[in-house]
């Protein structure tokens, strides 16, 4: 894996969303969208902190939270890796998880842009209706 973390993570310090949470959410969304695949290693804490110019403890907190949630796993001496998922997950479950992650990405982006909930929901409904009638 190319260890240039800027290719994998984008942060907005002024967004109001803690940086560790931005990294956490981007890993989850990246997995759901296939940006990160099972067995792939994430960039090291050092690489991410250097590339994004953030404290290594911030990245460590994001990675630790991801590990505790079972989203990534520590491989001693090698780093953090996307685990191979169990076969018991059904497609509807995956689709719902993917949809939830996409919606969270929209919410995070809207918060970073200081948009209010009502305007985001209104825009979503308008686009939904446009696509339904297209």
C-alpha atoms as a PDB file:
ATOM      1  CA  UNK A   1       0.000   0.000   0.000  1.00  0.00           C
ATOM      2  CA  UNK A   2       1.205   3.499  -0.764  1.00  0.00           C
ATOM      3  CA  UNK A   3       1.675   5.086   2.612  1.00  0.00           C
ATOM      4  CA  UNK A   4       0.778   8.627   1.568  1.00  0.00           C
ATOM      5  CA  UNK A   5      -2.108   9.127   3.974  1.00  0.00           C
ATOM      6  CA  UNK A   6      -3.342  12.193   2.085  1.00  0.00           C
ATOM      7  CA  UNK A   7      -4.531   9.767  -0.588  1.00  0.00           C
ATOM      8  CA  UNK A   8      -6.673   7.988   1.997  1.00  0.00           C
ATOM      9  CA  UNK A   9      -7.769  10.621   4.490  1.00  0.00           C
ATOM     10  CA  UNK A  10      -8.927  14.200   4.289  1.00  0.00           C
ATOM     11  CA  UNK A  11      -9.427  16.173   7.453  1.00  0.00           C
ATOM     12  CA  UNK A  12     -11.026  19.491   8.189  1.00  0.00           C
ATOM     13  CA  UNK A  13      -9.769  20.876  11.516  1.00  0.00           C
ATOM     14  CA  UNK A  14     -12.401  23.640  11.445  1.00  0.00           C
ATOM     15  CA  UNK A  15     -15.353  21.276  10.949  1.00  0.00           C
ATOM     16  CA  UNK A  16     -16.238  20.779  14.591  1.00  0.00           C
ATOM     17  CA  UNK A  17     -15.934  17.005  14.133  1.00  0.00           C
ATOM     18  CA  UNK A  18     -12.910  15.711  16.088  1.00  0.00           C
ATOM     19  CA  UNK A  19     -10.043  14.711  13.804  1.00  0.00           C
ATOM     20  CA  UNK A  20      -9.865  11.188  15.239  1.00  0.00           C
ATOM     21  CA  UNK A  21     -13.565  10.795  14.405  1.00  0.00           C
ATOM     22  CA  UNK A  22     -13.023  12.025  10.852  1.00  0.00           C
ATOM     23  CA  UNK A  23     -10.338   9.366  10.359  1.00  0.00           C
ATOM     24  CA  UNK A  24     -12.535   6.705  12.028  1.00  0.00           C
ATOM     25  CA  UNK A  25     -15.508   7.528   9.798  1.00  0.00           C
ATOM     26  CA  UNK A  26     -13.394   7.632   6.646  1.00  0.00           C
ATOM     27  CA  UNK A  27     -12.016   4.158   7.313  1.00  0.00           C
ATOM     28  CA  UNK A  28     -15.540   2.767   7.856  1.00  0.00           C
ATOM     29  CA  UNK A  29     -16.845   4.458   4.732  1.00  0.00           C
ATOM     30  CA  UNK A  30     -13.774   3.378   2.769  1.00  0.00           C
ATOM     31  CA  UNK A  31     -14.406  -0.248   3.703  1.00  0.00           C
ATOM     32  CA  UNK A  32     -18.096  -0.018   2.788  1.00  0.00           C
ATOM     33  CA  UNK A  33     -17.248   1.507  -0.588  1.00  0.00           C
ATOM     34  CA  UNK A  34     -14.434  -0.924  -1.334  1.00  0.00           C
ATOM     35  CA  UNK A  35     -11.674   1.693  -1.051  1.00  0.00           C
ATOM     36  CA  UNK A  36     -10.085  -0.515   1.609  1.00  0.00           C
ATOM     37  CA  UNK A  37     -10.314  -4.265   1.063  1.00  0.00           C
ATOM     38  CA  UNK A  38      -9.988  -7.270   3.339  1.00  0.00           C
ATOM     39  CA  UNK A  39      -6.381  -8.053   4.124  1.00  0.00           C
ATOM     40  CA  UNK A  40      -5.129  -4.585   3.205  1.00  0.00           C
ATOM     41  CA  UNK A  41      -3.001  -2.671   5.706  1.00  0.00           C
ATOM     42  CA  UNK A  42      -3.780   0.913   6.646  1.00  0.00           C
ATOM     43  CA  UNK A  43      -1.016   3.512   6.547  1.00  0.00           C
ATOM     44  CA  UNK A  44       0.981   3.560   9.797  1.00  0.00           C
ATOM     45  CA  UNK A  45       0.120   5.961  12.595  1.00  0.00           C
ATOM     46  CA  UNK A  46       3.412   7.750  11.959  1.00  0.00           C
ATOM     47  CA  UNK A  47       2.714   8.094   8.216  1.00  0.00           C
ATOM     48  CA  UNK A  48      -0.814   9.391   8.780  1.00  0.00           C
ATOM     49  CA  UNK A  49       0.193  11.881  11.469  1.00  0.00           C
ATOM     50  CA  UNK A  50       3.104  13.188   9.381  1.00  0.00           C
ATOM     51  CA  UNK A  51       1.112  13.427   6.154  1.00  0.00           C
ATOM     52  CA  UNK A  52      -1.930  15.076   7.731  1.00  0.00           C
ATOM     53  CA  UNK A  53       0.159  17.129  10.164  1.00  0.00           C
ATOM     54  CA  UNK A  54      -1.744  15.917  13.227  1.00  0.00           C
ATOM     55  CA  UNK A  55      -0.637  14.531  16.573  1.00  0.00           C
ATOM     56  CA  UNK A  56       0.171  10.798  16.423  1.00  0.00           C
ATOM     57  CA  UNK A  57      -2.056  10.296  19.487  1.00  0.00           C
ATOM     58  CA  UNK A  58      -5.022  11.517  17.421  1.00  0.00           C
ATOM     59  CA  UNK A  59      -4.400   8.862  14.778  1.00  0.00           C
ATOM     60  CA  UNK A  60      -3.738   6.266  17.472  1.00  0.00           C
ATOM     61  CA  UNK A  61      -7.105   7.085  19.078  1.00  0.00           C
ATOM     62  CA  UNK A  62      -8.879   6.624  15.725  1.00  0.00           C
ATOM     63  CA  UNK A  63      -7.130   3.311  15.042  1.00  0.00           C
ATOM     64  CA  UNK A  64      -7.756   2.073  18.607  1.00  0.00           C
ATOM     65  CA  UNK A  65     -11.455   2.899  18.314  1.00  0.00           C
ATOM     66  CA  UNK A  66     -11.616   1.100  14.970  1.00  0.00           C
ATOM     67  CA  UNK A  67      -9.898  -1.933  16.480  1.00  0.00           C
ATOM     68  CA  UNK A  68     -12.229  -2.016  19.493  1.00  0.00           C
ATOM     69  CA  UNK A  69     -15.184  -1.880  17.108  1.00  0.00           C
ATOM     70  CA  UNK A  70     -13.797  -4.853  15.154  1.00  0.00           C
ATOM     71  CA  UNK A  71     -13.435  -2.777  12.005  1.00  0.00           C
ATOM     72  CA  UNK A  72      -9.659  -3.249  11.798  1.00  0.00           C
ATOM     73  CA  UNK A  73      -7.265  -5.640  13.461  1.00  0.00           C
ATOM     74  CA  UNK A  74      -3.728  -5.333  14.771  1.00  0.00           C
ATOM     75  CA  UNK A  75      -1.173  -7.648  13.203  1.00  0.00           C
ATOM     76  CA  UNK A  76       1.843  -7.580  15.502  1.00  0.00           C
ATOM     77  CA  UNK A  77       4.913  -6.213  13.777  1.00  0.00           C
ATOM     78  CA  UNK A  78       2.995  -5.294  10.622  1.00  0.00           C
ATOM     79  CA  UNK A  79       0.312  -2.755  11.543  1.00  0.00           C
ATOM     80  CA  UNK A  80      -3.423  -2.359  11.285  1.00  0.00           C
ATOM     81  CA  UNK A  81      -5.255  -4.394   8.683  1.00  0.00           C
ATOM     82  CA  UNK A  82      -8.768  -4.698   7.336  1.00  0.00           C
ATOM     83  CA  UNK A  83      -9.879  -8.140   8.571  1.00  0.00           C
ATOM     84  CA  UNK A  84     -11.406 -10.782   6.355  1.00  0.00           C
ATOM     85  CA  UNK A  85     -15.129 -10.668   7.118  1.00  0.00           C
ATOM     86  CA  UNK A  86     -17.101 -13.700   8.204  1.00  0.00           C
ATOM     87  CA  UNK A  87     -19.301 -15.289   5.562  1.00  0.00           C
ATOM     88  CA  UNK A  88     -22.466 -14.970   7.653  1.00  0.00           C
ATOM     89  CA  UNK A  89     -23.283 -11.411   6.590  1.00  0.00           C
ATOM     90  CA  UNK A  90     -26.187 -11.252   4.144  1.00  0.00           C
ATOM     91  CA  UNK A  91     -26.348  -8.834   1.224  1.00  0.00           C
ATOM     92  CA  UNK A  92     -29.302  -6.883   2.668  1.00  0.00           C
ATOM     93  CA  UNK A  93     -27.257  -6.360   5.844  1.00  0.00           C
ATOM     94  CA  UNK A  94     -24.290  -5.168   3.795  1.00  0.00           C
ATOM     95  CA  UNK A  95     -26.510  -2.890   1.721  1.00  0.00           C
ATOM     96  CA  UNK A  96     -28.038  -1.378   4.851  1.00  0.00           C
ATOM     97  CA  UNK A  97     -24.596  -0.918   6.410  1.00  0.00           C
ATOM     98  CA  UNK A  98     -23.314   0.715   3.237  1.00  0.00           C
ATOM     99  CA  UNK A  99     -26.337   3.022   3.074  1.00  0.00           C
ATOM    100  CA  UNK A 100     -25.869   4.000   6.725  1.00  0.00           C
ATOM    101  CA  UNK A 101     -22.211   4.809   6.133  1.00  0.00           C
ATOM    102  CA  UNK A 102     -23.010   6.868   3.039  1.00  0.00           C
ATOM    103  CA  UNK A 103     -25.638   8.830   4.948  1.00  0.00           C
ATOM    104  CA  UNK A 104     -23.154   9.432   7.761  1.00  0.00           C
ATOM    105  CA  UNK A 105     -20.675  10.728   5.196  1.00  0.00           C
ATOM    106  CA  UNK A 106     -23.303  13.161   3.898  1.00  0.00           C
ATOM    107  CA  UNK A 107     -24.094  14.270   7.457  1.00  0.00           C
ATOM    108  CA  UNK A 108     -20.418  14.782   8.299  1.00  0.00           C
ATOM    109  CA  UNK A 109     -19.885  16.748   5.097  1.00  0.00           C
ATOM    110  CA  UNK A 110     -22.965  18.860   5.775  1.00  0.00           C
ATOM    111  CA  UNK A 111     -21.745  19.593   9.304  1.00  0.00           C
ATOM    112  CA  UNK A 112     -18.338  20.570   7.942  1.00  0.00           C
ATOM    113  CA  UNK A 113     -20.115  23.005   5.618  1.00  0.00           C
ATOM    114  CA  UNK A 114     -22.270  24.284   8.525  1.00  0.00           C
ATOM    115  CA  UNK A 115     -25.490  23.241   6.778  1.00  0.00           C
ATOM    116  CA  UNK A 116     -28.569  22.644   8.887  1.00  0.00           C
ATOM    117  CA  UNK A 117     -30.480  19.366   8.986  1.00  0.00           C
ATOM    118  CA  UNK A 118     -33.619  20.772   7.360  1.00  0.00           C
ATOM    119  CA  UNK A 119     -31.806  22.026   4.266  1.00  0.00           C
ATOM    120  CA  UNK A 120     -29.960  18.716   3.849  1.00  0.00           C
ATOM    121  CA  UNK A 121     -33.175  16.693   4.148  1.00  0.00           C
ATOM    122  CA  UNK A 122     -34.939  19.080   1.763  1.00  0.00           C
ATOM    123  CA  UNK A 123     -32.151  18.693  -0.811  1.00  0.00           C
ATOM    124  CA  UNK A 124     -32.194  14.894  -0.418  1.00  0.00           C
ATOM    125  CA  UNK A 125     -35.959  14.803  -1.022  1.00  0.00           C
ATOM    126  CA  UNK A 126     -35.651  17.073  -4.063  1.00  0.00           C
ATOM    127  CA  UNK A 127     -32.949  14.894  -5.627  1.00  0.00           C
ATOM    128  CA  UNK A 128     -34.887  11.728  -4.769  1.00  0.00           C
ATOM    129  CA  UNK A 129     -37.973  13.095  -6.547  1.00  0.00           C
ATOM    130  CA  UNK A 130     -35.950  14.236  -9.565  1.00  0.00           C
ATOM    131  CA  UNK A 131     -34.429  10.788  -9.967  1.00  0.00           C
ATOM    132  CA  UNK A 132     -37.765   9.024  -9.475  1.00  0.00           C
ATOM    133  CA  UNK A 133     -39.380  11.028 -12.268  1.00  0.00           C
ATOM    134  CA  UNK A 134     -36.422  10.928 -14.625  1.00  0.00           C
END
